[in-house]
Amino acid sequence: MELEKLKHIIAGVMGMNPEEITKETRFVEDLGADSLNVYEIIMNIESEFDIELCMDHVEKINTVEEALALIEGTV
């Protein structure tokens, strides 16, 4: 459930199909996300899941799977 929500958030920000996103997808290398895209994704995650993410942890996220683990650890 969380993975599907996360994929839709990322797809919305990056203007792509959520089906193209996998757990192994890397934000910068695969999606071409810049710091503004990443910030927007984080803000949408916090809003959608009603959580607050620690920026120290967010800065270490490279893949969708790492973002999902952070969300699941916070929810």
N, C-alpha and C. Protein backbone atom coordinates (compact mmCIF):
# COMPACT_ATOMS: atom_id res chain seq x y z
N MET A 1 0.82 -1.19 0.00
CA MET A 1 0.00 0.00 0.00
C MET A 1 0.87 1.26 0.00
N GLU A 2 1.84 1.33 0.93
CA GLU A 2 2.71 2.49 0.98
C GLU A 2 3.51 2.65 -0.31
N LEU A 3 3.95 1.52 -0.87
CA LEU A 3 4.74 1.58 -2.11
C LEU A 3 3.94 2.22 -3.23
N GLU A 4 2.69 1.83 -3.37
CA GLU A 4 1.86 2.39 -4.44
C GLU A 4 1.64 3.89 -4.25
N LYS A 5 1.38 4.30 -3.01
CA LYS A 5 1.23 5.74 -2.73
C LYS A 5 2.51 6.48 -3.06
N LEU A 6 3.63 5.91 -2.65
CA LEU A 6 4.93 6.54 -2.89
C LEU A 6 5.20 6.66 -4.39
N LYS A 7 4.92 5.61 -5.14
CA LYS A 7 5.12 5.64 -6.59
C LYS A 7 4.27 6.73 -7.23
N HIS A 8 3.04 6.92 -6.77
CA HIS A 8 2.17 7.95 -7.32
C HIS A 8 2.67 9.35 -6.98
N ILE A 9 3.20 9.52 -5.78
CA ILE A 9 3.77 10.80 -5.39
C ILE A 9 4.95 11.15 -6.28
N ILE A 10 5.86 10.20 -6.43
CA ILE A 10 7.05 10.42 -7.25
C ILE A 10 6.67 10.69 -8.70
N ALA A 11 5.76 9.88 -9.22
CA ALA A 11 5.32 10.04 -10.61
C ALA A 11 4.68 11.40 -10.84
N GLY A 12 3.90 11.87 -9.87
CA GLY A 12 3.26 13.17 -9.99
C GLY A 12 4.26 14.30 -10.06
N VAL A 13 5.28 14.22 -9.22
CA VAL A 13 6.30 15.27 -9.20
C VAL A 13 7.17 15.21 -10.46
N MET A 14 7.49 14.01 -10.89
CA MET A 14 8.42 13.85 -12.01
C MET A 14 7.70 13.80 -13.36
N GLY A 15 6.37 13.82 -13.36
CA GLY A 15 5.62 13.81 -14.61
C GLY A 15 5.80 12.54 -15.41
N MET A 16 5.63 11.41 -14.74
CA MET A 16 5.81 10.12 -15.41
C MET A 16 4.75 9.13 -14.94
N ASN A 17 4.77 7.96 -15.54
CA ASN A 17 3.84 6.89 -15.20
C ASN A 17 4.35 6.16 -13.96
N PRO A 18 3.51 5.96 -12.93
CA PRO A 18 3.96 5.25 -11.73
C PRO A 18 4.42 3.83 -12.01
N GLU A 19 3.92 3.24 -13.08
CA GLU A 19 4.31 1.87 -13.44
C GLU A 19 5.80 1.77 -13.79
N GLU A 20 6.41 2.90 -14.15
CA GLU A 20 7.83 2.92 -14.54
C GLU A 20 8.75 2.93 -13.32
N ILE A 21 8.18 3.12 -12.15
CA ILE A 21 8.97 3.24 -10.93
C ILE A 21 8.98 1.91 -10.18
N THR A 22 10.18 1.47 -9.79
CA THR A 22 10.34 0.24 -9.01
C THR A 22 11.05 0.57 -7.70
N LYS A 23 11.17 -0.40 -6.83
CA LYS A 23 11.89 -0.19 -5.58
C LYS A 23 13.35 0.18 -5.83
N GLU A 24 13.90 -0.32 -6.93
CA GLU A 24 15.31 -0.09 -7.24
C GLU A 24 15.56 1.24 -7.93
N THR A 25 14.51 1.95 -8.31
CA THR A 25 14.66 3.22 -9.01
C THR A 25 15.42 4.21 -8.13
N ARG A 26 16.45 4.83 -8.74
CA ARG A 26 17.25 5.84 -8.04
C ARG A 26 16.74 7.22 -8.43
N PHE A 27 16.59 8.08 -7.44
CA PHE A 27 16.01 9.40 -7.68
C PHE A 27 16.82 10.24 -8.66
N VAL A 28 18.11 10.37 -8.43
CA VAL A 28 18.92 11.24 -9.27
C VAL A 28 19.32 10.53 -10.56
N GLU A 29 19.92 9.37 -10.44
CA GLU A 29 20.46 8.68 -11.62
C GLU A 29 19.38 8.22 -12.60
N ASP A 30 18.29 7.65 -12.09
CA ASP A 30 17.26 7.09 -12.98
C ASP A 30 16.17 8.09 -13.34
N LEU A 31 15.79 8.93 -12.38
CA LEU A 31 14.68 9.85 -12.61
C LEU A 31 15.14 11.25 -13.01
N GLY A 32 16.42 11.54 -12.78
CA GLY A 32 16.93 12.87 -13.08
C GLY A 32 16.41 13.94 -12.13
N ALA A 33 16.06 13.53 -10.91
CA ALA A 33 15.51 14.47 -9.93
C ALA A 33 16.60 15.43 -9.45
N ASP A 34 16.22 16.71 -9.35
CA ASP A 34 17.13 17.69 -8.76
C ASP A 34 16.68 17.96 -7.33
N SER A 35 17.38 18.84 -6.64
CA SER A 35 17.07 19.07 -5.22
C SER A 35 15.65 19.60 -5.02
N LEU A 36 15.16 20.39 -5.95
CA LEU A 36 13.80 20.90 -5.84
C LEU A 36 12.77 19.77 -5.99
N ASN A 37 13.01 18.84 -6.94
CA ASN A 37 12.13 17.68 -7.10
C ASN A 37 12.12 16.84 -5.84
N VAL A 38 13.28 16.60 -5.28
CA VAL A 38 13.39 15.78 -4.07
C VAL A 38 12.65 16.47 -2.91
N TYR A 39 12.82 17.77 -2.78
CA TYR A 39 12.13 18.52 -1.73
C TYR A 39 10.61 18.39 -1.91
N GLU A 40 10.14 18.52 -3.13
CA GLU A 40 8.70 18.41 -3.39
C GLU A 40 8.19 17.01 -3.08
N ILE A 41 8.96 16.00 -3.43
CA ILE A 41 8.59 14.61 -3.12
C ILE A 41 8.49 14.43 -1.61
N ILE A 42 9.47 14.93 -0.88
CA ILE A 42 9.48 14.80 0.58
C ILE A 42 8.28 15.51 1.20
N MET A 43 7.98 16.71 0.73
CA MET A 43 6.84 17.45 1.26
C MET A 43 5.54 16.68 1.00
N ASN A 44 5.42 16.10 -0.19
CA ASN A 44 4.22 15.32 -0.52
C ASN A 44 4.12 14.05 0.31
N ILE A 45 5.26 13.41 0.57
CA ILE A 45 5.27 12.21 1.42
C ILE A 45 4.78 12.57 2.81
N GLU A 46 5.32 13.65 3.38
CA GLU A 46 4.92 14.05 4.73
C GLU A 46 3.43 14.36 4.79
N SER A 47 2.92 15.00 3.76
CA SER A 47 1.49 15.33 3.72
C SER A 47 0.63 14.08 3.56
N GLU A 48 0.98 13.23 2.60
CA GLU A 48 0.18 12.03 2.29
C GLU A 48 0.15 11.05 3.46
N PHE A 49 1.30 10.85 4.11
CA PHE A 49 1.39 9.85 5.17
C PHE A 49 1.22 10.47 6.57
N ASP A 50 1.04 11.79 6.63
CA ASP A 50 0.88 12.51 7.88
C ASP A 50 2.02 12.19 8.85
N ILE A 51 3.25 12.38 8.35
CA ILE A 51 4.45 12.13 9.14
C ILE A 51 5.40 13.30 8.97
N GLU A 52 6.42 13.34 9.81
CA GLU A 52 7.49 14.32 9.66
C GLU A 52 8.79 13.54 9.56
N LEU A 53 9.51 13.75 8.48
CA LEU A 53 10.75 13.01 8.23
C LEU A 53 11.94 13.82 8.72
N CYS A 54 12.89 13.15 9.31
CA CYS A 54 14.13 13.78 9.77
C CYS A 54 15.01 14.07 8.56
N MET A 55 15.39 15.32 8.39
CA MET A 55 16.16 15.71 7.21
C MET A 55 17.52 15.00 7.15
N ASP A 56 18.08 14.65 8.30
CA ASP A 56 19.34 13.90 8.30
C ASP A 56 19.18 12.56 7.60
N HIS A 57 18.03 11.91 7.80
CA HIS A 57 17.77 10.63 7.15
C HIS A 57 17.40 10.83 5.69
N VAL A 58 16.64 11.87 5.40
CA VAL A 58 16.19 12.14 4.03
C VAL A 58 17.38 12.35 3.10
N GLU A 59 18.41 13.04 3.58
CA GLU A 59 19.58 13.34 2.76
C GLU A 59 20.33 12.08 2.32
N LYS A 60 20.12 10.97 3.01
CA LYS A 60 20.82 9.72 2.70
C LYS A 60 20.04 8.81 1.77
N ILE A 61 18.83 9.21 1.39
CA ILE A 61 17.97 8.39 0.54
C ILE A 61 18.40 8.50 -0.92
N ASN A 62 18.64 7.35 -1.54
CA ASN A 62 19.01 7.32 -2.96
C ASN A 62 17.99 6.59 -3.81
N THR A 63 17.30 5.62 -3.22
CA THR A 63 16.36 4.79 -3.99
C THR A 63 14.95 4.87 -3.41
N VAL A 64 14.00 4.42 -4.20
CA VAL A 64 12.62 4.34 -3.76
C VAL A 64 12.51 3.40 -2.56
N GLU A 65 13.24 2.30 -2.59
CA GLU A 65 13.20 1.34 -1.49
C GLU A 65 13.68 1.97 -0.18
N GLU A 66 14.71 2.79 -0.25
CA GLU A 66 15.20 3.47 0.96
C GLU A 66 14.17 4.47 1.48
N ALA A 67 13.49 5.16 0.58
CA ALA A 67 12.43 6.09 0.98
C ALA A 67 11.28 5.32 1.63
N LEU A 68 10.93 4.18 1.06
CA LEU A 68 9.86 3.36 1.59
C LEU A 68 10.21 2.86 3.00
N ALA A 69 11.44 2.44 3.20
CA ALA A 69 11.88 1.97 4.53
C ALA A 69 11.78 3.09 5.55
N LEU A 70 12.14 4.30 5.15
CA LEU A 70 12.04 5.44 6.05
C LEU A 70 10.58 5.73 6.41
N ILE A 71 9.71 5.67 5.41
CA ILE A 71 8.27 5.89 5.64
C ILE A 71 7.73 4.82 6.59
N GLU A 72 8.03 3.56 6.30
CA GLU A 72 7.51 2.46 7.11
C GLU A 72 8.02 2.52 8.54
N GLY A 73 9.23 3.03 8.72
CA GLY A 73 9.79 3.17 10.06
C GLY A 73 9.18 4.33 10.82
N THR A 74 8.51 5.22 10.12
CA THR A 74 7.94 6.42 10.73
C THR A 74 6.45 6.28 10.95
N VAL A 75 5.78 5.49 10.09
CA VAL A 75 4.31 5.37 10.15
C VAL A 75 3.92 4.54 11.35
